[in-house]
Amino acid sequence: MKKLLLMLLCLPFIGFAQSTYVPDDNFEQALINLGYDNVLDDYVLTAYINTVTSLFVVGHNITDLTGIEDFISLTSLNCNSNQLTTLDVSSNIALTYLNCRTNQLTTLDVSSNTALTYLDCDYNQLTTLDVSTNTALTYLQCTSNQLTTLGVSGTTALTTLWCYNNQLTTLDVSNNTALTKLWCSENQLTTLDVSSNTALDELICRYNQLITLDVSSNITLDTLICGHQQQLTTLDLRNGNNTNLQIVSANNCPNLYCINVDDVAWATANWTVANGNIDSWANFSTNCSPTAIQEHSTNKELLKVTDLLGRETKGTKDEILFYIYDDGTVEKKIVIE
């Protein structure tokens, strides 16, 4: 009789040991909706969740994701558009996909999630993010945070990095040789070295504080948007494949008077001021050396005059004309009466 009584007393504790604590009612209700629980009592049977591989709990006003640690088989977690201030996924080592955007996270530690290939943590309050240990990561979005530091040195498989609208003053992507898309606009970058990123096809880095930008090593580049740089004085586009560079926007750069290109005539015909993407005071040249910019030699010979479409012309009044010289310099002129 005493043994039977002792067993009955222990049953609640045995049941508790097999349960996972889920203190956030909104999180537990989401689990109930998904069929992983049936009573809103702050507990979920561990056996119901420890084999789950994908969890989608978007837009449920969840403030605490405690209990996620027992989802040990989880490979995909989407918890965006909630009210999370902290997120601990250190026990979810099988995770390959994590979307936690549009929360209120101030820190995010994914150092244990070495299998992670996709991370989207946009629209949070992160000040630092280090994914250097996430060697399998190929896609990273961390835009619209408050990042002052971003560590991506170990993510050699990374192909897409979107980190715009932060407070970054430096960004080292020298080890990210697989990178094809880099969006780092609206930061405080003074330098940006993309010479190692030879696979890059899309670079958007406008609204920074760059002084120079050299994409001559980026032979596959097809899109470059680098305008709105008050300090930019040097832009080198001589990658030997300018015909592949279909979109070039370098407007609102008051100190950029000369742009290095492969072919002046081709650049003049294809990257003109007509669409507002190139400032009217910027000239194209194959050699924008300080000497070439400052020296207006009387010995240089005029090769031809073209209109905005690159057609040779003698010019008309009130028309923008390009005077192309044999030293590679180009002058924009307009006769107004």
C-alpha atoms as a PDB file:
ATOM      1  CA  MET A   1       0.000   0.000   0.000  1.00  0.00           C
ATOM      2  CA  LYS A   2       2.844   2.385   0.915  1.00  0.00           C
ATOM      3  CA  LYS A   3       4.611   1.569  -2.363  1.00  0.00           C
ATOM      4  CA  LEU A   4       1.427   2.266  -4.340  1.00  0.00           C
ATOM      5  CA  LEU A   5       0.952   5.592  -2.566  1.00  0.00           C
ATOM      6  CA  LEU A   6       4.559   6.579  -3.263  1.00  0.00           C
ATOM      7  CA  MET A   7       4.148   5.780  -6.958  1.00  0.00           C
ATOM      8  CA  LEU A   8       0.986   7.867  -7.172  1.00  0.00           C
ATOM      9  CA  LEU A   9       2.759  10.815  -5.524  1.00  0.00           C
ATOM     10  CA  CYS A  10       5.624  10.580  -8.001  1.00  0.00           C
ATOM     11  CA  LEU A  11       3.457  10.502 -11.132  1.00  0.00           C
ATOM     12  CA  PRO A  12       3.065  14.301 -11.382  1.00  0.00           C
ATOM     13  CA  PHE A  13       6.839  14.735 -11.170  1.00  0.00           C
ATOM     14  CA  ILE A  14       7.407  12.074 -13.827  1.00  0.00           C
ATOM     15  CA  GLY A  15       4.931  13.892 -16.095  1.00  0.00           C
ATOM     16  CA  PHE A  16       6.614  17.235 -15.383  1.00  0.00           C
ATOM     17  CA  ALA A  17      10.022  15.864 -16.308  1.00  0.00           C
ATOM     18  CA  GLN A  18       8.654  14.970 -19.717  1.00  0.00           C
ATOM     19  CA  SER A  19       7.261  18.427 -20.332  1.00  0.00           C
ATOM     20  CA  THR A  20       8.761  21.625 -21.731  1.00  0.00           C
ATOM     21  CA  TYR A  21       8.150  24.946 -20.009  1.00  0.00           C
ATOM     22  CA  VAL A  22       6.530  27.498 -22.332  1.00  0.00           C
ATOM     23  CA  PRO A  23       5.727  30.612 -20.235  1.00  0.00           C
ATOM     24  CA  ASP A  24       4.572  32.850 -23.109  1.00  0.00           C
ATOM     25  CA  ASP A  25       0.862  32.222 -23.673  1.00  0.00           C
ATOM     26  CA  ASN A  26       1.023  33.527 -27.244  1.00  0.00           C
ATOM     27  CA  PHE A  27       3.815  31.086 -28.076  1.00  0.00           C
ATOM     28  CA  GLU A  28       1.969  28.190 -26.480  1.00  0.00           C
ATOM     29  CA  GLN A  29      -1.261  29.133 -28.263  1.00  0.00           C
ATOM     30  CA  ALA A  30       0.636  29.113 -31.552  1.00  0.00           C
ATOM     31  CA  LEU A  31       1.853  25.605 -30.710  1.00  0.00           C
ATOM     32  CA  ILE A  32      -1.736  24.586 -29.887  1.00  0.00           C
ATOM     33  CA  ASN A  33      -2.851  25.949 -33.253  1.00  0.00           C
ATOM     34  CA  LEU A  34      -0.169  23.829 -34.909  1.00  0.00           C
ATOM     35  CA  GLY A  35      -1.356  20.705 -33.046  1.00  0.00           C
ATOM     36  CA  TYR A  36       1.674  20.336 -30.755  1.00  0.00           C
ATOM     37  CA  ASP A  37      -0.340  21.003 -27.553  1.00  0.00           C
ATOM     38  CA  ASN A  38      -3.964  21.078 -26.419  1.00  0.00           C
ATOM     39  CA  VAL A  39      -4.131  22.907 -23.068  1.00  0.00           C
ATOM     40  CA  LEU A  40      -2.914  26.440 -22.312  1.00  0.00           C
ATOM     41  CA  ASP A  41      -1.062  25.635 -19.067  1.00  0.00           C
ATOM     42  CA  ASP A  42       2.549  26.805 -19.707  1.00  0.00           C
ATOM     43  CA  TYR A  43       3.708  23.283 -20.569  1.00  0.00           C
ATOM     44  CA  VAL A  44       4.027  21.218 -23.728  1.00  0.00           C
ATOM     45  CA  LEU A  45       4.866  17.534 -23.854  1.00  0.00           C
ATOM     46  CA  THR A  46       8.487  17.345 -24.982  1.00  0.00           C
ATOM     47  CA  ALA A  47       7.789  14.239 -27.033  1.00  0.00           C
ATOM     48  CA  TYR A  48       5.419  16.308 -29.200  1.00  0.00           C
ATOM     49  CA  ILE A  49       8.051  18.858 -30.166  1.00  0.00           C
ATOM     50  CA  ASN A  50      11.488  17.245 -30.092  1.00  0.00           C
ATOM     51  CA  THR A  51      11.064  15.732 -33.548  1.00  0.00           C
ATOM     52  CA  VAL A  52       9.639  18.857 -35.221  1.00  0.00           C
ATOM     53  CA  THR A  53      11.907  20.034 -38.064  1.00  0.00           C
ATOM     54  CA  SER A  54      10.112  23.215 -39.176  1.00  0.00           C
ATOM     55  CA  LEU A  55       8.376  25.831 -37.014  1.00  0.00           C
ATOM     56  CA  PHE A  56       6.431  28.836 -38.354  1.00  0.00           C
ATOM     57  CA  VAL A  57       5.221  31.209 -35.611  1.00  0.00           C
ATOM     58  CA  VAL A  58       4.953  34.559 -37.404  1.00  0.00           C
ATOM     59  CA  GLY A  59       2.997  37.558 -36.107  1.00  0.00           C
ATOM     60  CA  HIS A  60       1.705  36.169 -32.792  1.00  0.00           C
ATOM     61  CA  ASN A  61       2.940  38.964 -30.467  1.00  0.00           C
ATOM     62  CA  ILE A  62       5.320  36.516 -28.802  1.00  0.00           C
ATOM     63  CA  THR A  63       7.675  38.156 -26.297  1.00  0.00           C
ATOM     64  CA  ASP A  64       9.422  35.032 -24.995  1.00  0.00           C
ATOM     65  CA  LEU A  65      10.420  31.993 -27.022  1.00  0.00           C
ATOM     66  CA  THR A  66      11.462  29.930 -23.989  1.00  0.00           C
ATOM     67  CA  GLY A  67      10.820  26.300 -24.811  1.00  0.00           C
ATOM     68  CA  ILE A  68      12.458  26.499 -28.226  1.00  0.00           C
ATOM     69  CA  GLU A  69      15.508  24.759 -26.732  1.00  0.00           C
ATOM     70  CA  ASP A  70      13.631  21.416 -26.720  1.00  0.00           C
ATOM     71  CA  PHE A  71      12.945  21.623 -30.457  1.00  0.00           C
ATOM     72  CA  ILE A  72      16.235  19.782 -30.914  1.00  0.00           C
ATOM     73  CA  SER A  73      15.463  18.520 -34.441  1.00  0.00           C
ATOM     74  CA  LEU A  74      14.536  21.956 -35.766  1.00  0.00           C
ATOM     75  CA  THR A  75      16.140  22.879 -39.090  1.00  0.00           C
ATOM     76  CA  SER A  76      13.886  25.826 -39.987  1.00  0.00           C
ATOM     77  CA  LEU A  77      12.601  28.539 -37.631  1.00  0.00           C
ATOM     78  CA  ASN A  78      10.541  31.519 -38.746  1.00  0.00           C
ATOM     79  CA  CYS A  79       9.537  33.770 -35.838  1.00  0.00           C
ATOM     80  CA  ASN A  80       9.437  37.128 -37.576  1.00  0.00           C
ATOM     81  CA  SER A  81       7.035  39.961 -36.725  1.00  0.00           C
ATOM     82  CA  ASN A  82       6.807  39.308 -32.991  1.00  0.00           C
ATOM     83  CA  GLN A  83       7.960  41.228 -29.885  1.00  0.00           C
ATOM     84  CA  LEU A  84      11.078  39.258 -29.015  1.00  0.00           C
ATOM     85  CA  THR A  85      13.873  41.066 -27.166  1.00  0.00           C
ATOM     86  CA  THR A  86      16.025  37.947 -26.730  1.00  0.00           C
ATOM     87  CA  LEU A  87      16.391  34.745 -28.716  1.00  0.00           C
ATOM     88  CA  ASP A  88      18.421  31.732 -27.595  1.00  0.00           C
ATOM     89  CA  VAL A  89      18.895  29.140 -30.330  1.00  0.00           C
ATOM     90  CA  SER A  90      22.106  27.677 -28.931  1.00  0.00           C
ATOM     91  CA  SER A  91      20.431  24.271 -28.433  1.00  0.00           C
ATOM     92  CA  ASN A  92      19.034  24.195 -31.964  1.00  0.00           C
ATOM     93  CA  ILE A  93      22.266  23.082 -33.594  1.00  0.00           C
ATOM     94  CA  ALA A  94      20.481  21.497 -36.567  1.00  0.00           C
ATOM     95  CA  LEU A  95      19.137  24.897 -37.722  1.00  0.00           C
ATOM     96  CA  THR A  96      19.864  25.757 -41.335  1.00  0.00           C
ATOM     97  CA  TYR A  97      17.233  28.509 -41.752  1.00  0.00           C
ATOM     98  CA  LEU A  98      16.491  31.303 -39.255  1.00  0.00           C
ATOM     99  CA  ASN A  99      14.165  34.231 -39.897  1.00  0.00           C
ATOM    100  CA  CYS A 100      13.768  36.491 -36.857  1.00  0.00           C
ATOM    101  CA  ARG A 101      13.257  39.831 -38.602  1.00  0.00           C
ATOM    102  CA  THR A 102      10.956  42.567 -37.306  1.00  0.00           C
ATOM    103  CA  ASN A 103      11.383  41.972 -33.601  1.00  0.00           C
ATOM    104  CA  GLN A 104      13.139  43.966 -30.869  1.00  0.00           C
ATOM    105  CA  LEU A 105      16.307  41.924 -30.532  1.00  0.00           C
ATOM    106  CA  THR A 106      19.303  43.740 -29.071  1.00  0.00           C
ATOM    107  CA  THR A 107      21.665  40.749 -29.289  1.00  0.00           C
ATOM    108  CA  LEU A 108      21.776  37.609 -31.402  1.00  0.00           C
ATOM    109  CA  ASP A 109      24.251  34.792 -30.818  1.00  0.00           C
ATOM    110  CA  VAL A 110      24.321  32.161 -33.566  1.00  0.00           C
ATOM    111  CA  SER A 111      27.833  30.918 -32.880  1.00  0.00           C
ATOM    112  CA  SER A 112      26.521  27.420 -32.025  1.00  0.00           C
ATOM    113  CA  ASN A 113      24.484  27.169 -35.226  1.00  0.00           C
ATOM    114  CA  THR A 114      27.290  26.106 -37.533  1.00  0.00           C
ATOM    115  CA  ALA A 115      24.850  24.412 -39.954  1.00  0.00           C
ATOM    116  CA  LEU A 116      23.072  27.717 -40.627  1.00  0.00           C
ATOM    117  CA  THR A 117      22.886  28.644 -44.310  1.00  0.00           C
ATOM    118  CA  TYR A 118      20.211  31.399 -44.207  1.00  0.00           C
ATOM    119  CA  LEU A 119      19.836  34.196 -41.648  1.00  0.00           C
ATOM    120  CA  ASP A 120      17.428  37.123 -41.830  1.00  0.00           C
ATOM    121  CA  CYS A 121      17.485  39.428 -38.797  1.00  0.00           C
ATOM    122  CA  ASP A 122      16.363  42.672 -40.457  1.00  0.00           C
ATOM    123  CA  TYR A 123      14.506  45.343 -38.493  1.00  0.00           C
ATOM    124  CA  ASN A 124      15.755  44.688 -34.996  1.00  0.00           C
ATOM    125  CA  GLN A 125      17.938  46.695 -32.593  1.00  0.00           C
ATOM    126  CA  LEU A 126      21.206  44.816 -32.968  1.00  0.00           C
ATOM    127  CA  THR A 127      24.404  46.799 -32.417  1.00  0.00           C
ATOM    128  CA  THR A 128      26.846  43.964 -33.134  1.00  0.00           C
ATOM    129  CA  LEU A 129      26.591  40.762 -35.153  1.00  0.00           C
ATOM    130  CA  ASP A 130      29.271  38.125 -35.625  1.00  0.00           C
ATOM    131  CA  VAL A 131      28.656  35.216 -37.991  1.00  0.00           C
ATOM    132  CA  SER A 132      32.314  34.295 -38.417  1.00  0.00           C
ATOM    133  CA  THR A 133      31.745  30.757 -37.114  1.00  0.00           C
ATOM    134  CA  ASN A 134      28.840  30.145 -39.502  1.00  0.00           C
ATOM    135  CA  THR A 135      30.990  28.750 -42.272  1.00  0.00           C
ATOM    136  CA  ALA A 136      28.003  27.266 -44.145  1.00  0.00           C
ATOM    137  CA  LEU A 137      26.148  30.598 -44.311  1.00  0.00           C
ATOM    138  CA  THR A 138      25.314  31.668 -47.866  1.00  0.00           C
ATOM    139  CA  TYR A 139      22.630  34.324 -47.265  1.00  0.00           C
ATOM    140  CA  LEU A 140      22.654  37.113 -44.663  1.00  0.00           C
ATOM    141  CA  GLN A 141      20.207  39.980 -44.221  1.00  0.00           C
ATOM    142  CA  CYS A 142      20.798  42.295 -41.264  1.00  0.00           C
ATOM    143  CA  THR A 143      19.450  45.587 -42.601  1.00  0.00           C
ATOM    144  CA  SER A 144      17.797  48.325 -40.560  1.00  0.00           C
ATOM    145  CA  ASN A 145      19.441  47.594 -37.249  1.00  0.00           C
ATOM    146  CA  GLN A 146      21.933  49.725 -35.306  1.00  0.00           C
ATOM    147  CA  LEU A 147      25.020  47.739 -36.236  1.00  0.00           C
ATOM    148  CA  THR A 148      28.382  49.336 -35.603  1.00  0.00           C
ATOM    149  CA  THR A 149      30.309  46.080 -36.148  1.00  0.00           C
ATOM    150  CA  LEU A 150      29.639  43.140 -38.452  1.00  0.00           C
ATOM    151  CA  GLY A 151      31.915  40.102 -38.509  1.00  0.00           C
ATOM    152  CA  VAL A 152      31.723  38.004 -41.674  1.00  0.00           C
ATOM    153  CA  SER A 153      35.358  36.929 -42.033  1.00  0.00           C
ATOM    154  CA  GLY A 154      34.690  33.203 -41.632  1.00  0.00           C
ATOM    155  CA  THR A 155      31.668  33.025 -43.926  1.00  0.00           C
ATOM    156  CA  THR A 156      33.572  32.131 -47.073  1.00  0.00           C
ATOM    157  CA  ALA A 157      30.461  30.531 -48.627  1.00  0.00           C
ATOM    158  CA  LEU A 158      28.468  33.773 -48.357  1.00  0.00           C
ATOM    159  CA  THR A 159      26.930  34.845 -51.677  1.00  0.00           C
ATOM    160  CA  THR A 160      24.422  37.491 -50.538  1.00  0.00           C
ATOM    161  CA  LEU A 161      25.006  40.186 -47.915  1.00  0.00           C
ATOM    162  CA  TRP A 162      22.442  42.913 -47.262  1.00  0.00           C
ATOM    163  CA  CYS A 163      23.525  45.174 -44.405  1.00  0.00           C
ATOM    164  CA  TYR A 164      22.201  48.573 -45.443  1.00  0.00           C
ATOM    165  CA  ASN A 165      20.717  51.162 -43.090  1.00  0.00           C
ATOM    166  CA  ASN A 166      23.045  50.596 -40.148  1.00  0.00           C
ATOM    167  CA  GLN A 167      25.918  52.514 -38.529  1.00  0.00           C
ATOM    168  CA  LEU A 168      28.888  50.601 -39.921  1.00  0.00           C
ATOM    169  CA  THR A 169      32.132  52.531 -40.294  1.00  0.00           C
ATOM    170  CA  THR A 170      34.101  49.531 -41.586  1.00  0.00           C
ATOM    171  CA  LEU A 171      33.181  46.392 -43.509  1.00  0.00           C
ATOM    172  CA  ASP A 172      35.718  43.675 -44.268  1.00  0.00           C
ATOM    173  CA  VAL A 173      34.555  41.358 -47.067  1.00  0.00           C
ATOM    174  CA  SER A 174      38.028  40.325 -48.212  1.00  0.00           C
ATOM    175  CA  ASN A 175      37.435  36.669 -47.278  1.00  0.00           C
ATOM    176  CA  ASN A 176      33.991  36.514 -48.884  1.00  0.00           C
ATOM    177  CA  THR A 177      35.240  35.531 -52.316  1.00  0.00           C
ATOM    178  CA  ALA A 178      31.940  33.833 -53.260  1.00  0.00           C
ATOM    179  CA  LEU A 179      29.976  37.058 -52.743  1.00  0.00           C
ATOM    180  CA  THR A 180      27.734  37.987 -55.689  1.00  0.00           C
ATOM    181  CA  LYS A 181      25.438  40.599 -54.096  1.00  0.00           C
ATOM    182  CA  LEU A 182      26.500  43.278 -51.630  1.00  0.00           C
ATOM    183  CA  TRP A 183      24.090  45.975 -50.436  1.00  0.00           C
ATOM    184  CA  CYS A 184      25.742  48.193 -47.829  1.00  0.00           C
ATOM    185  CA  SER A 185      24.077  51.568 -48.451  1.00  0.00           C
ATOM    186  CA  GLU A 186      23.154  54.034 -45.728  1.00  0.00           C
ATOM    187  CA  ASN A 187      26.062  53.383 -43.421  1.00  0.00           C
ATOM    188  CA  GLN A 188      29.118  55.442 -42.484  1.00  0.00           C
ATOM    189  CA  LEU A 189      31.739  53.611 -44.532  1.00  0.00           C
ATOM    190  CA  THR A 190      34.808  55.632 -45.480  1.00  0.00           C
ATOM    191  CA  THR A 191      36.494  52.761 -47.339  1.00  0.00           C
ATOM    192  CA  LEU A 192      35.231  49.691 -49.175  1.00  0.00           C
ATOM    193  CA  ASP A 193      37.617  47.127 -50.657  1.00  0.00           C
ATOM    194  CA  VAL A 194      35.904  44.718 -53.060  1.00  0.00           C
ATOM    195  CA  SER A 195      39.031  43.679 -54.948  1.00  0.00           C
ATOM    196  CA  SER A 196      38.764  40.091 -53.650  1.00  0.00           C
ATOM    197  CA  ASN A 197      35.097  39.785 -54.614  1.00  0.00           C
ATOM    198  CA  THR A 198      35.627  38.889 -58.254  1.00  0.00           C
ATOM    199  CA  ALA A 199      32.248  37.089 -58.479  1.00  0.00           C
ATOM    200  CA  LEU A 200      30.352  40.241 -57.493  1.00  0.00           C
ATOM    201  CA  ASP A 201      27.547  41.134 -59.913  1.00  0.00           C
ATOM    202  CA  GLU A 202      25.597  43.622 -57.773  1.00  0.00           C
ATOM    203  CA  LEU A 203      27.065  46.375 -55.592  1.00  0.00           C
ATOM    204  CA  ILE A 204      24.858  48.993 -53.963  1.00  0.00           C
ATOM    205  CA  CYS A 205      26.783  51.255 -51.601  1.00  0.00           C
ATOM    206  CA  ARG A 206      25.228  54.712 -51.896  1.00  0.00           C
ATOM    207  CA  TYR A 207      24.775  57.098 -48.950  1.00  0.00           C
ATOM    208  CA  ASN A 208      28.139  56.444 -47.316  1.00  0.00           C
ATOM    209  CA  GLN A 209      31.287  58.520 -46.832  1.00  0.00           C
ATOM    210  CA  LEU A 210      33.511  56.856 -49.409  1.00  0.00           C
ATOM    211  CA  ILE A 211      36.411  58.826 -50.842  1.00  0.00           C
ATOM    212  CA  THR A 212      37.446  56.295 -53.470  1.00  0.00           C
ATOM    213  CA  LEU A 213      35.755  53.278 -55.026  1.00  0.00           C
ATOM    214  CA  ASP A 214      37.562  50.807 -57.263  1.00  0.00           C
ATOM    215  CA  VAL A 215      35.618  48.017 -59.001  1.00  0.00           C
ATOM    216  CA  SER A 216      38.255  47.269 -61.632  1.00  0.00           C
ATOM    217  CA  SER A 217      38.642  43.705 -60.268  1.00  0.00           C
ATOM    218  CA  ASN A 218      34.918  42.973 -60.435  1.00  0.00           C
ATOM    219  CA  ILE A 219      34.712  41.637 -63.973  1.00  0.00           C
ATOM    220  CA  THR A 220      31.190  40.189 -63.640  1.00  0.00           C
ATOM    221  CA  LEU A 221      29.615  43.348 -62.226  1.00  0.00           C
ATOM    222  CA  ASP A 222      26.325  44.302 -63.909  1.00  0.00           C
ATOM    223  CA  THR A 223      24.848  46.734 -61.361  1.00  0.00           C
ATOM    224  CA  LEU A 224      26.618  49.539 -59.497  1.00  0.00           C
ATOM    225  CA  ILE A 225      24.755  52.142 -57.449  1.00  0.00           C
ATOM    226  CA  CYS A 226      27.194  54.309 -55.528  1.00  0.00           C
ATOM    227  CA  GLY A 227      25.734  57.825 -55.550  1.00  0.00           C
ATOM    228  CA  HIS A 228      25.081  60.329 -52.770  1.00  0.00           C
ATOM    229  CA  GLN A 229      28.704  60.388 -51.576  1.00  0.00           C
ATOM    230  CA  GLN A 230      29.798  63.866 -50.554  1.00  0.00           C
ATOM    231  CA  GLN A 231      33.485  62.913 -50.295  1.00  0.00           C
ATOM    232  CA  LEU A 232      33.832  60.664 -53.358  1.00  0.00           C
ATOM    233  CA  THR A 233      36.588  61.940 -55.639  1.00  0.00           C
ATOM    234  CA  THR A 234      37.734  58.761 -57.428  1.00  0.00           C
ATOM    235  CA  LEU A 235      35.656  56.102 -59.172  1.00  0.00           C
ATOM    236  CA  ASP A 236      37.383  53.410 -61.225  1.00  0.00           C
ATOM    237  CA  LEU A 237      35.108  51.297 -63.446  1.00  0.00           C
ATOM    238  CA  ARG A 238      37.885  49.897 -65.675  1.00  0.00           C
ATOM    239  CA  ASN A 239      37.095  46.202 -65.198  1.00  0.00           C
ATOM    240  CA  GLY A 240      37.590  45.281 -68.862  1.00  0.00           C
ATOM    241  CA  ASN A 241      33.924  44.381 -69.148  1.00  0.00           C
ATOM    242  CA  ASN A 242      32.021  47.680 -69.074  1.00  0.00           C
ATOM    243  CA  THR A 243      29.544  46.392 -71.661  1.00  0.00           C
ATOM    244  CA  ASN A 244      28.250  43.998 -69.010  1.00  0.00           C
ATOM    245  CA  LEU A 245      27.805  46.861 -66.535  1.00  0.00           C
ATOM    246  CA  GLN A 246      24.268  47.804 -67.493  1.00  0.00           C
ATOM    247  CA  ILE A 247      23.236  49.873 -64.480  1.00  0.00           C
ATOM    248  CA  VAL A 248      25.551  52.608 -63.214  1.00  0.00           C
ATOM    249  CA  SER A 249      24.321  55.281 -60.830  1.00  0.00           C
ATOM    250  CA  ALA A 250      26.860  57.724 -59.394  1.00  0.00           C
ATOM    251  CA  ASN A 251      24.797  60.867 -58.967  1.00  0.00           C
ATOM    252  CA  ASN A 252      24.889  63.472 -56.220  1.00  0.00           C
ATOM    253  CA  CYS A 253      28.664  63.227 -55.817  1.00  0.00           C
ATOM    254  CA  PRO A 254      29.721  66.899 -55.823  1.00  0.00           C
ATOM    255  CA  ASN A 255      33.471  66.164 -55.807  1.00  0.00           C
ATOM    256  CA  LEU A 256      33.499  63.491 -58.510  1.00  0.00           C
ATOM    257  CA  TYR A 257      34.639  65.200 -61.709  1.00  0.00           C
ATOM    258  CA  CYS A 258      36.178  62.268 -63.579  1.00  0.00           C
ATOM    259  CA  ILE A 259      35.183  58.601 -63.836  1.00  0.00           C
ATOM    260  CA  ASN A 260      37.622  55.967 -65.101  1.00  0.00           C
ATOM    261  CA  VAL A 261      36.070  53.736 -67.786  1.00  0.00           C
ATOM    262  CA  ASP A 262      37.161  51.153 -70.357  1.00  0.00           C
ATOM    263  CA  ASP A 263      35.946  53.144 -73.339  1.00  0.00           C
ATOM    264  CA  VAL A 264      35.012  56.829 -73.231  1.00  0.00           C
ATOM    265  CA  ALA A 265      32.742  56.762 -76.276  1.00  0.00           C
ATOM    266  CA  TRP A 266      30.842  53.688 -75.091  1.00  0.00           C
ATOM    267  CA  ALA A 267      30.433  55.086 -71.575  1.00  0.00           C
ATOM    268  CA  THR A 268      29.271  58.407 -73.006  1.00  0.00           C
ATOM    269  CA  ALA A 269      26.646  56.686 -75.133  1.00  0.00           C
ATOM    270  CA  ASN A 270      25.387  54.361 -72.410  1.00  0.00           C
ATOM    271  CA  TRP A 271      25.962  56.138 -69.070  1.00  0.00           C
ATOM    272  CA  THR A 272      24.832  59.671 -69.758  1.00  0.00           C
ATOM    273  CA  VAL A 273      23.377  62.419 -67.623  1.00  0.00           C
ATOM    274  CA  ALA A 274      20.036  62.060 -69.402  1.00  0.00           C
ATOM    275  CA  ASN A 275      18.549  59.794 -66.730  1.00  0.00           C
ATOM    276  CA  GLY A 276      20.143  61.655 -63.822  1.00  0.00           C
ATOM    277  CA  ASN A 277      22.409  58.756 -62.857  1.00  0.00           C
ATOM    278  CA  ILE A 278      25.615  60.647 -63.671  1.00  0.00           C
ATOM    279  CA  ASP A 279      26.183  64.227 -62.545  1.00  0.00           C
ATOM    280  CA  SER A 280      26.503  66.809 -65.300  1.00  0.00           C
ATOM    281  CA  TRP A 281      29.967  67.870 -64.087  1.00  0.00           C
ATOM    282  CA  ALA A 282      31.436  64.342 -64.208  1.00  0.00           C
ATOM    283  CA  ASN A 283      33.583  63.418 -67.214  1.00  0.00           C
ATOM    284  CA  PHE A 284      34.585  59.967 -68.474  1.00  0.00           C
ATOM    285  CA  SER A 285      38.225  59.124 -69.062  1.00  0.00           C
ATOM    286  CA  THR A 286      40.503  56.110 -69.476  1.00  0.00           C
ATOM    287  CA  ASN A 287      42.979  57.771 -67.126  1.00  0.00           C
ATOM    288  CA  CYS A 288      41.633  60.066 -64.411  1.00  0.00           C
ATOM    289  CA  SER A 289      45.057  60.732 -62.925  1.00  0.00           C
ATOM    290  CA  PRO A 290      45.435  63.988 -60.974  1.00  0.00           C
ATOM    291  CA  THR A 291      47.573  65.275 -63.823  1.00  0.00           C
ATOM    292  CA  ALA A 292      44.959  64.424 -66.408  1.00  0.00           C
ATOM    293  CA  ILE A 293      42.248  66.132 -64.374  1.00  0.00           C
ATOM    294  CA  GLN A 294      44.170  69.251 -63.504  1.00  0.00           C
ATOM    295  CA  GLU A 295      46.073  69.697 -66.738  1.00  0.00           C
ATOM    296  CA  HIS A 296      44.193  71.068 -69.717  1.00  0.00           C
ATOM    297  CA  SER A 297      46.991  70.746 -72.242  1.00  0.00           C
ATOM    298  CA  THR A 298      46.852  72.928 -75.324  1.00  0.00           C
ATOM    299  CA  ASN A 299      48.456  70.039 -77.243  1.00  0.00           C
ATOM    300  CA  LYS A 300      45.539  67.630 -76.893  1.00  0.00           C
ATOM    301  CA  GLU A 301      43.594  66.931 -80.061  1.00  0.00           C
ATOM    302  CA  LEU A 302      39.822  66.877 -80.397  1.00  0.00           C
ATOM    303  CA  LEU A 303      38.751  63.505 -81.804  1.00  0.00           C
ATOM    304  CA  LYS A 304      35.015  64.056 -82.083  1.00  0.00           C
ATOM    305  CA  VAL A 305      31.926  65.696 -80.649  1.00  0.00           C
ATOM    306  CA  THR A 306      28.927  63.538 -79.696  1.00  0.00           C
ATOM    307  CA  ASP A 307      25.435  64.128 -78.384  1.00  0.00           C
ATOM    308  CA  LEU A 308      23.801  62.398 -75.398  1.00  0.00           C
ATOM    309  CA  LEU A 309      23.183  59.286 -77.503  1.00  0.00           C
ATOM    310  CA  GLY A 310      26.812  59.002 -78.555  1.00  0.00           C
ATOM    311  CA  ARG A 311      26.168  60.156 -82.133  1.00  0.00           C
ATOM    312  CA  GLU A 312      28.772  62.368 -83.774  1.00  0.00           C
ATOM    313  CA  THR A 313      27.444  65.862 -84.307  1.00  0.00           C
ATOM    314  CA  LYS A 314      28.467  69.444 -84.939  1.00  0.00           C
ATOM    315  CA  GLY A 315      26.078  70.435 -82.209  1.00  0.00           C
ATOM    316  CA  THR A 316      23.156  72.759 -81.854  1.00  0.00           C
ATOM    317  CA  LYS A 317      22.286  75.456 -79.380  1.00  0.00           C
ATOM    318  CA  ASP A 318      20.876  74.424 -76.005  1.00  0.00           C
ATOM    319  CA  GLU A 319      22.163  70.855 -76.457  1.00  0.00           C
ATOM    320  CA  ILE A 320      24.576  69.002 -74.177  1.00  0.00           C
ATOM    321  CA  LEU A 321      27.650  67.949 -76.158  1.00  0.00           C
ATOM    322  CA  PHE A 322      30.623  65.738 -75.323  1.00  0.00           C
ATOM    323  CA  TYR A 323      34.031  66.840 -76.618  1.00  0.00           C
ATOM    324  CA  ILE A 324      36.256  63.741 -76.727  1.00  0.00           C
ATOM    325  CA  TYR A 325      40.023  64.300 -76.881  1.00  0.00           C
ATOM    326  CA  ASP A 326      42.941  62.025 -77.787  1.00  0.00           C
ATOM    327  CA  ASP A 327      44.279  62.002 -74.201  1.00  0.00           C
ATOM    328  CA  GLY A 328      41.125  60.248 -72.976  1.00  0.00           C
ATOM    329  CA  THR A 329      39.509  63.300 -71.429  1.00  0.00           C
ATOM    330  CA  VAL A 330      35.941  64.324 -72.131  1.00  0.00           C
ATOM    331  CA  GLU A 331      34.413  67.750 -71.673  1.00  0.00           C
ATOM    332  CA  LYS A 332      30.698  68.402 -71.442  1.00  0.00           C
ATOM    333  CA  LYS A 333      29.608  71.654 -72.982  1.00  0.00           C
ATOM    334  CA  ILE A 334      26.377  73.403 -73.787  1.00  0.00           C
ATOM    335  CA  VAL A 335      25.942  76.602 -75.797  1.00  0.00           C
ATOM    336  CA  ILE A 336      23.033  78.680 -74.553  1.00  0.00           C
ATOM    337  CA  GLU A 337      21.729  81.796 -76.201  1.00  0.00           C
END
